[in-house]
Amino acid sequence: MGIVTALEVGKRDSSRVNLYLDGDFAFSLKLEDAARLHKGQTLSEAEIAALRAGDTFGRAVDSASRFLATRPRSIHEVRQYLARKDYEAPTIDLALDKLQTLGYIDDQAFAAYWVRQRASFKPLGAKALRYELRQKGISDGIIQSVLADLDTDDAAYRAGQAQMRKLRGLSRRDVRQKLGSFLQRRGFGFADADRTARRLIDEIDAETPNFFARDTDDGE
């Protein structure tokens, strides 16, 4: 049991109200929740617990919403974020359910977004994309669906184009080896990496005759 002895609007945040029970500060509430209370009101232990739990839930949803404001996140990322903020598992589960209902988190949409971003700014092969998405808690079924339309040849070509500029002055053999290794580190298979390296070498050799070193045996 507890008697409401004071309700004070927060000095730093006017959207929150400090609740005092039996003369002592208990916890703060959102303004709309505090509006249902009045000085002298007697609250049961169950009512106090419900108010506290409801406010904790609201804080978790608000915190996660701010986290999501910068970019889309996977459910796993949001869960980890709230855990780092010291919210307990039941509160996190409720917050995630609410966010999913609102459409703020959706692993299918997130995975598609991630693949698009990588394609635009850092082309990767299916192996690397699969690893990254798994690290973010995305299920294999969703990963398979978003990678189904991945244009591996285009991604490898664009990734190789950016790297090619750094290899000027090397022999064709060295460029092929370094570019192939780079593309494999980006998650492309050996065959795709080698085919792309050969294509880029042929193209730049035709466009820029002095790009490669000519004083070595390239073995081509």
C-alpha atoms as a PDB file:
ATOM      1  CA  MET A   1       0.000   0.000   0.000  1.00  0.00           C
ATOM      2  CA  GLY A   2       1.051   3.571  -0.513  1.00  0.00           C
ATOM      3  CA  ILE A   3      -0.502   7.004  -0.373  1.00  0.00           C
ATOM      4  CA  VAL A   4       0.239   9.537  -3.087  1.00  0.00           C
ATOM      5  CA  THR A   5       1.748  12.461  -1.210  1.00  0.00           C
ATOM      6  CA  ALA A   6       3.039  14.503  -4.151  1.00  0.00           C
ATOM      7  CA  LEU A   7       3.075  14.659  -7.937  1.00  0.00           C
ATOM      8  CA  GLU A   8       5.770  16.987  -9.268  1.00  0.00           C
ATOM      9  CA  VAL A   9       6.500  17.788 -12.907  1.00  0.00           C
ATOM     10  CA  GLY A  10      10.124  16.971 -13.689  1.00  0.00           C
ATOM     11  CA  LYS A  11      12.503  19.926 -13.802  1.00  0.00           C
ATOM     12  CA  ARG A  12      14.571  18.495 -16.672  1.00  0.00           C
ATOM     13  CA  ASP A  13      11.719  16.819 -18.543  1.00  0.00           C
ATOM     14  CA  SER A  14       8.313  18.405 -18.291  1.00  0.00           C
ATOM     15  CA  SER A  15       6.717  15.367 -19.969  1.00  0.00           C
ATOM     16  CA  ARG A  16       7.398  13.299 -16.842  1.00  0.00           C
ATOM     17  CA  VAL A  17       6.023  13.532 -13.310  1.00  0.00           C
ATOM     18  CA  ASN A  18       7.786  12.451 -10.133  1.00  0.00           C
ATOM     19  CA  LEU A  19       5.572  10.299  -7.957  1.00  0.00           C
ATOM     20  CA  TYR A  20       5.975  10.431  -4.170  1.00  0.00           C
ATOM     21  CA  LEU A  21       4.440   7.738  -1.981  1.00  0.00           C
ATOM     22  CA  ASP A  22       4.199   8.180   1.780  1.00  0.00           C
ATOM     23  CA  GLY A  23       6.472  11.201   1.561  1.00  0.00           C
ATOM     24  CA  ASP A  24       9.276   9.514  -0.377  1.00  0.00           C
ATOM     25  CA  PHE A  25      10.111   9.637  -4.074  1.00  0.00           C
ATOM     26  CA  ALA A  26       8.966   6.377  -5.683  1.00  0.00           C
ATOM     27  CA  PHE A  27       9.560   6.715  -9.440  1.00  0.00           C
ATOM     28  CA  SER A  28       8.600   8.928 -12.350  1.00  0.00           C
ATOM     29  CA  LEU A  29       5.759   8.512 -14.804  1.00  0.00           C
ATOM     30  CA  LYS A  30       4.722   9.909 -18.145  1.00  0.00           C
ATOM     31  CA  LEU A  31       2.461  12.927 -17.800  1.00  0.00           C
ATOM     32  CA  GLU A  32      -0.550  11.083 -19.234  1.00  0.00           C
ATOM     33  CA  ASP A  33      -0.153   8.232 -16.734  1.00  0.00           C
ATOM     34  CA  ALA A  34       0.328  10.587 -13.790  1.00  0.00           C
ATOM     35  CA  ALA A  35      -2.823  12.467 -14.847  1.00  0.00           C
ATOM     36  CA  ARG A  36      -4.906   9.530 -13.575  1.00  0.00           C
ATOM     37  CA  LEU A  37      -3.501   9.946 -10.064  1.00  0.00           C
ATOM     38  CA  HIS A  38      -4.185  12.556  -7.372  1.00  0.00           C
ATOM     39  CA  LYS A  39      -2.722  13.577  -4.053  1.00  0.00           C
ATOM     40  CA  GLY A  40      -4.074  11.517  -1.170  1.00  0.00           C
ATOM     41  CA  GLN A  41      -4.940   8.544  -3.393  1.00  0.00           C
ATOM     42  CA  THR A  42      -4.210   5.144  -1.894  1.00  0.00           C
ATOM     43  CA  LEU A  43      -2.518   2.662  -4.217  1.00  0.00           C
ATOM     44  CA  SER A  44      -2.328  -1.074  -3.616  1.00  0.00           C
ATOM     45  CA  GLU A  45       0.940  -2.943  -4.081  1.00  0.00           C
ATOM     46  CA  ALA A  46      -0.457  -4.413  -7.293  1.00  0.00           C
ATOM     47  CA  GLU A  47      -1.355  -0.948  -8.616  1.00  0.00           C
ATOM     48  CA  ILE A  48       2.096   0.386  -7.757  1.00  0.00           C
ATOM     49  CA  ALA A  49       3.743  -2.580  -9.463  1.00  0.00           C
ATOM     50  CA  ALA A  50       1.549  -2.102 -12.546  1.00  0.00           C
ATOM     51  CA  LEU A  51       2.412   1.601 -12.760  1.00  0.00           C
ATOM     52  CA  ARG A  52       6.102   0.864 -12.406  1.00  0.00           C
ATOM     53  CA  ALA A  53       6.027  -1.951 -14.969  1.00  0.00           C
ATOM     54  CA  GLY A  54       4.000   0.120 -17.420  1.00  0.00           C
ATOM     55  CA  ASP A  55       6.429   3.007 -17.168  1.00  0.00           C
ATOM     56  CA  THR A  56       9.442   0.712 -17.592  1.00  0.00           C
ATOM     57  CA  PHE A  57       7.802  -0.759 -20.690  1.00  0.00           C
ATOM     58  CA  GLY A  58       7.152   2.712 -22.084  1.00  0.00           C
ATOM     59  CA  ARG A  59      10.739   3.746 -21.437  1.00  0.00           C
ATOM     60  CA  ALA A  60      11.999   0.638 -23.243  1.00  0.00           C
ATOM     61  CA  VAL A  61       9.826   1.351 -26.294  1.00  0.00           C
ATOM     62  CA  ASP A  62      10.931   4.987 -26.366  1.00  0.00           C
ATOM     63  CA  SER A  63      14.587   4.034 -26.003  1.00  0.00           C
ATOM     64  CA  ALA A  64      14.355   1.476 -28.803  1.00  0.00           C
ATOM     65  CA  SER A  65      12.533   3.973 -31.027  1.00  0.00           C
ATOM     66  CA  ARG A  66      15.401   6.437 -30.653  1.00  0.00           C
ATOM     67  CA  PHE A  67      17.838   3.638 -31.479  1.00  0.00           C
ATOM     68  CA  LEU A  68      15.847   2.866 -34.623  1.00  0.00           C
ATOM     69  CA  ALA A  69      15.764   6.501 -35.706  1.00  0.00           C
ATOM     70  CA  THR A  70      19.304   6.387 -37.142  1.00  0.00           C
ATOM     71  CA  ARG A  71      18.755   3.359 -39.419  1.00  0.00           C
ATOM     72  CA  PRO A  72      16.705   0.149 -39.610  1.00  0.00           C
ATOM     73  CA  ARG A  73      17.755  -2.565 -37.144  1.00  0.00           C
ATOM     74  CA  SER A  74      17.142  -6.268 -36.786  1.00  0.00           C
ATOM     75  CA  ILE A  75      15.107  -7.630 -33.884  1.00  0.00           C
ATOM     76  CA  HIS A  76      18.318  -9.118 -32.486  1.00  0.00           C
ATOM     77  CA  GLU A  77      20.083  -5.747 -32.587  1.00  0.00           C
ATOM     78  CA  VAL A  78      17.249  -4.046 -30.719  1.00  0.00           C
ATOM     79  CA  ARG A  79      17.137  -6.846 -28.153  1.00  0.00           C
ATOM     80  CA  GLN A  80      20.870  -6.476 -27.519  1.00  0.00           C
ATOM     81  CA  TYR A  81      20.550  -2.702 -27.259  1.00  0.00           C
ATOM     82  CA  LEU A  82      17.799  -2.887 -24.644  1.00  0.00           C
ATOM     83  CA  ALA A  83      19.723  -5.529 -22.707  1.00  0.00           C
ATOM     84  CA  ARG A  84      22.710  -3.169 -22.580  1.00  0.00           C
ATOM     85  CA  LYS A  85      20.353  -0.560 -21.148  1.00  0.00           C
ATOM     86  CA  ASP A  86      19.630  -3.034 -18.322  1.00  0.00           C
ATOM     87  CA  TYR A  87      16.016  -3.769 -19.205  1.00  0.00           C
ATOM     88  CA  GLU A  88      14.910  -7.224 -18.097  1.00  0.00           C
ATOM     89  CA  ALA A  89      13.944  -9.942 -20.566  1.00  0.00           C
ATOM     90  CA  PRO A  90      10.147  -9.771 -20.005  1.00  0.00           C
ATOM     91  CA  THR A  91      10.158  -6.006 -20.610  1.00  0.00           C
ATOM     92  CA  ILE A  92      12.310  -6.428 -23.708  1.00  0.00           C
ATOM     93  CA  ASP A  93       9.959  -9.074 -25.101  1.00  0.00           C
ATOM     94  CA  LEU A  94       6.953  -6.801 -24.605  1.00  0.00           C
ATOM     95  CA  ALA A  95       8.764  -3.845 -26.169  1.00  0.00           C
ATOM     96  CA  LEU A  96       9.790  -5.913 -29.205  1.00  0.00           C
ATOM     97  CA  ASP A  97       6.220  -7.146 -29.661  1.00  0.00           C
ATOM     98  CA  LYS A  98       4.982  -3.553 -29.573  1.00  0.00           C
ATOM     99  CA  LEU A  99       7.619  -2.370 -32.049  1.00  0.00           C
ATOM    100  CA  GLN A 100       6.824  -5.228 -34.426  1.00  0.00           C
ATOM    101  CA  THR A 101       3.103  -4.458 -34.223  1.00  0.00           C
ATOM    102  CA  LEU A 102       3.858  -0.833 -35.084  1.00  0.00           C
ATOM    103  CA  GLY A 103       6.001  -1.952 -38.011  1.00  0.00           C
ATOM    104  CA  TYR A 104       9.161  -0.383 -36.570  1.00  0.00           C
ATOM    105  CA  ILE A 105      11.133  -3.628 -36.712  1.00  0.00           C
ATOM    106  CA  ASP A 106      10.832  -6.303 -39.381  1.00  0.00           C
ATOM    107  CA  ASP A 107      13.660  -8.748 -40.052  1.00  0.00           C
ATOM    108  CA  GLN A 108      12.608  -9.360 -43.658  1.00  0.00           C
ATOM    109  CA  ALA A 109      12.610  -5.646 -44.432  1.00  0.00           C
ATOM    110  CA  PHE A 110      15.834  -5.133 -42.510  1.00  0.00           C
ATOM    111  CA  ALA A 111      17.647  -7.899 -44.377  1.00  0.00           C
ATOM    112  CA  ALA A 112      16.553  -6.484 -47.736  1.00  0.00           C
ATOM    113  CA  TYR A 113      17.711  -3.026 -46.638  1.00  0.00           C
ATOM    114  CA  TRP A 114      21.097  -4.400 -45.550  1.00  0.00           C
ATOM    115  CA  VAL A 115      21.701  -6.130 -48.882  1.00  0.00           C
ATOM    116  CA  ARG A 116      20.725  -2.955 -50.784  1.00  0.00           C
ATOM    117  CA  GLN A 117      23.071  -0.830 -48.691  1.00  0.00           C
ATOM    118  CA  ARG A 118      25.945  -3.204 -49.230  1.00  0.00           C
ATOM    119  CA  ALA A 119      25.240  -3.313 -52.965  1.00  0.00           C
ATOM    120  CA  SER A 120      25.363   0.483 -53.125  1.00  0.00           C
ATOM    121  CA  PHE A 121      28.327   1.234 -50.878  1.00  0.00           C
ATOM    122  CA  LYS A 122      30.333  -1.955 -50.301  1.00  0.00           C
ATOM    123  CA  PRO A 123      29.483  -4.777 -52.729  1.00  0.00           C
ATOM    124  CA  LEU A 124      29.858  -8.191 -51.106  1.00  0.00           C
ATOM    125  CA  GLY A 125      29.439 -11.776 -52.179  1.00  0.00           C
ATOM    126  CA  ALA A 126      26.725 -14.065 -50.855  1.00  0.00           C
ATOM    127  CA  LYS A 127      29.091 -15.701 -48.351  1.00  0.00           C
ATOM    128  CA  ALA A 128      29.971 -12.393 -46.676  1.00  0.00           C
ATOM    129  CA  LEU A 129      26.385 -11.134 -46.732  1.00  0.00           C
ATOM    130  CA  ARG A 130      25.157 -14.377 -45.214  1.00  0.00           C
ATOM    131  CA  TYR A 131      27.715 -14.082 -42.409  1.00  0.00           C
ATOM    132  CA  GLU A 132      26.795 -10.451 -41.656  1.00  0.00           C
ATOM    133  CA  LEU A 133      23.072 -11.153 -41.588  1.00  0.00           C
ATOM    134  CA  ARG A 134      23.517 -14.154 -39.324  1.00  0.00           C
ATOM    135  CA  GLN A 135      25.534 -11.956 -36.953  1.00  0.00           C
ATOM    136  CA  LYS A 136      22.502  -9.692 -36.796  1.00  0.00           C
ATOM    137  CA  GLY A 137      20.232 -12.576 -35.862  1.00  0.00           C
ATOM    138  CA  ILE A 138      18.486 -12.989 -39.202  1.00  0.00           C
ATOM    139  CA  SER A 139      17.073 -16.466 -39.837  1.00  0.00           C
ATOM    140  CA  ASP A 140      18.437 -18.637 -42.632  1.00  0.00           C
ATOM    141  CA  GLY A 141      15.055 -18.609 -44.356  1.00  0.00           C
ATOM    142  CA  ILE A 142      14.997 -14.821 -44.601  1.00  0.00           C
ATOM    143  CA  ILE A 143      18.660 -14.729 -45.659  1.00  0.00           C
ATOM    144  CA  GLN A 144      17.976 -17.197 -48.447  1.00  0.00           C
ATOM    145  CA  SER A 145      15.041 -15.146 -49.698  1.00  0.00           C
ATOM    146  CA  VAL A 146      16.887 -11.808 -49.790  1.00  0.00           C
ATOM    147  CA  LEU A 147      19.958 -13.324 -51.465  1.00  0.00           C
ATOM    148  CA  ALA A 148      17.940 -15.154 -54.114  1.00  0.00           C
ATOM    149  CA  ASP A 149      18.125 -12.236 -56.536  1.00  0.00           C
ATOM    150  CA  LEU A 150      21.709 -11.186 -55.754  1.00  0.00           C
ATOM    151  CA  ASP A 151      23.593 -10.379 -58.973  1.00  0.00           C
ATOM    152  CA  THR A 152      26.957 -11.853 -58.021  1.00  0.00           C
ATOM    153  CA  ASP A 153      28.680 -10.891 -61.275  1.00  0.00           C
ATOM    154  CA  ASP A 154      27.623  -7.251 -60.985  1.00  0.00           C
ATOM    155  CA  ALA A 155      28.572  -7.038 -57.301  1.00  0.00           C
ATOM    156  CA  ALA A 156      31.998  -8.590 -57.917  1.00  0.00           C
ATOM    157  CA  TYR A 157      32.617  -6.317 -60.887  1.00  0.00           C
ATOM    158  CA  ARG A 158      31.790  -3.132 -58.981  1.00  0.00           C
ATOM    159  CA  ALA A 159      33.826  -4.216 -55.949  1.00  0.00           C
ATOM    160  CA  GLY A 160      36.763  -5.033 -58.216  1.00  0.00           C
ATOM    161  CA  GLN A 161      36.517  -1.738 -60.095  1.00  0.00           C
ATOM    162  CA  ALA A 162      37.064   0.249 -56.915  1.00  0.00           C
ATOM    163  CA  GLN A 163      40.020  -1.903 -55.875  1.00  0.00           C
ATOM    164  CA  MET A 164      41.605  -1.891 -59.328  1.00  0.00           C
ATOM    165  CA  ARG A 165      42.655   1.768 -59.025  1.00  0.00           C
ATOM    166  CA  LYS A 166      45.024   0.818 -56.197  1.00  0.00           C
ATOM    167  CA  LEU A 167      46.892  -1.755 -58.287  1.00  0.00           C
ATOM    168  CA  ARG A 168      48.315   0.413 -61.034  1.00  0.00           C
ATOM    169  CA  GLY A 169      51.917  -0.376 -61.891  1.00  0.00           C
ATOM    170  CA  LEU A 170      51.759  -4.058 -61.001  1.00  0.00           C
ATOM    171  CA  SER A 171      52.036  -6.876 -63.511  1.00  0.00           C
ATOM    172  CA  ARG A 172      48.920  -8.522 -64.883  1.00  0.00           C
ATOM    173  CA  ARG A 173      49.761 -11.664 -62.890  1.00  0.00           C
ATOM    174  CA  ASP A 174      50.094  -9.730 -59.625  1.00  0.00           C
ATOM    175  CA  VAL A 175      46.933  -7.765 -60.290  1.00  0.00           C
ATOM    176  CA  ARG A 176      45.010 -10.949 -60.996  1.00  0.00           C
ATOM    177  CA  GLN A 177      46.282 -12.553 -57.781  1.00  0.00           C
ATOM    178  CA  LYS A 178      45.692  -9.512 -55.563  1.00  0.00           C
ATOM    179  CA  LEU A 179      42.317  -8.670 -57.056  1.00  0.00           C
ATOM    180  CA  GLY A 180      41.169 -12.281 -56.836  1.00  0.00           C
ATOM    181  CA  SER A 181      42.227 -12.482 -53.183  1.00  0.00           C
ATOM    182  CA  PHE A 182      40.468  -9.196 -52.423  1.00  0.00           C
ATOM    183  CA  LEU A 183      37.218 -10.396 -53.961  1.00  0.00           C
ATOM    184  CA  GLN A 184      37.372 -13.680 -52.091  1.00  0.00           C
ATOM    185  CA  ARG A 185      37.757 -11.733 -48.834  1.00  0.00           C
ATOM    186  CA  ARG A 186      34.628  -9.842 -49.852  1.00  0.00           C
ATOM    187  CA  GLY A 187      32.754 -13.140 -49.902  1.00  0.00           C
ATOM    188  CA  PHE A 188      32.903 -14.071 -53.589  1.00  0.00           C
ATOM    189  CA  GLY A 189      33.767 -17.612 -54.631  1.00  0.00           C
ATOM    190  CA  PHE A 190      37.092 -18.395 -56.310  1.00  0.00           C
ATOM    191  CA  ALA A 191      35.570 -18.852 -59.764  1.00  0.00           C
ATOM    192  CA  ASP A 192      33.600 -15.598 -59.578  1.00  0.00           C
ATOM    193  CA  ALA A 193      36.622 -13.708 -58.242  1.00  0.00           C
ATOM    194  CA  ASP A 194      38.981 -15.036 -60.902  1.00  0.00           C
ATOM    195  CA  ARG A 195      36.531 -14.435 -63.737  1.00  0.00           C
ATOM    196  CA  THR A 196      35.963 -10.854 -62.572  1.00  0.00           C
ATOM    197  CA  ALA A 197      39.689 -10.211 -62.188  1.00  0.00           C
ATOM    198  CA  ARG A 198      40.338 -11.410 -65.750  1.00  0.00           C
ATOM    199  CA  ARG A 199      37.510  -9.257 -67.096  1.00  0.00           C
ATOM    200  CA  LEU A 200      38.752  -6.121 -65.350  1.00  0.00           C
ATOM    201  CA  ILE A 201      42.328  -6.742 -66.424  1.00  0.00           C
ATOM    202  CA  ASP A 202      41.294  -7.104 -70.055  1.00  0.00           C
ATOM    203  CA  GLU A 203      39.136  -3.973 -69.918  1.00  0.00           C
ATOM    204  CA  ILE A 204      41.715  -1.721 -68.314  1.00  0.00           C
ATOM    205  CA  ASP A 205      44.485  -3.063 -70.522  1.00  0.00           C
ATOM    206  CA  ALA A 206      42.450  -2.002 -73.559  1.00  0.00           C
ATOM    207  CA  GLU A 207      41.566   1.396 -72.096  1.00  0.00           C
ATOM    208  CA  THR A 208      44.871   2.239 -70.360  1.00  0.00           C
ATOM    209  CA  PRO A 209      47.817   0.544 -72.102  1.00  0.00           C
ATOM    210  CA  ASN A 210      50.365   1.750 -69.531  1.00  0.00           C
ATOM    211  CA  PHE A 211      48.413   0.579 -66.489  1.00  0.00           C
ATOM    212  CA  PHE A 212      50.374  -2.653 -65.981  1.00  0.00           C
ATOM    213  CA  ALA A 213      54.081  -3.205 -65.517  1.00  0.00           C
ATOM    214  CA  ARG A 214      55.625  -4.638 -68.690  1.00  0.00           C
ATOM    215  CA  ASP A 215      59.017  -5.708 -67.421  1.00  0.00           C
ATOM    216  CA  THR A 216      57.911  -9.024 -65.910  1.00  0.00           C
ATOM    217  CA  ASP A 217      56.710 -12.329 -67.327  1.00  0.00           C
ATOM    218  CA  ASP A 218      53.001 -12.250 -66.656  1.00  0.00           C
ATOM    219  CA  GLY A 219      52.535 -15.852 -67.632  1.00  0.00           C
ATOM    220  CA  GLU A 220      49.209 -15.152 -69.313  1.00  0.00           C
END
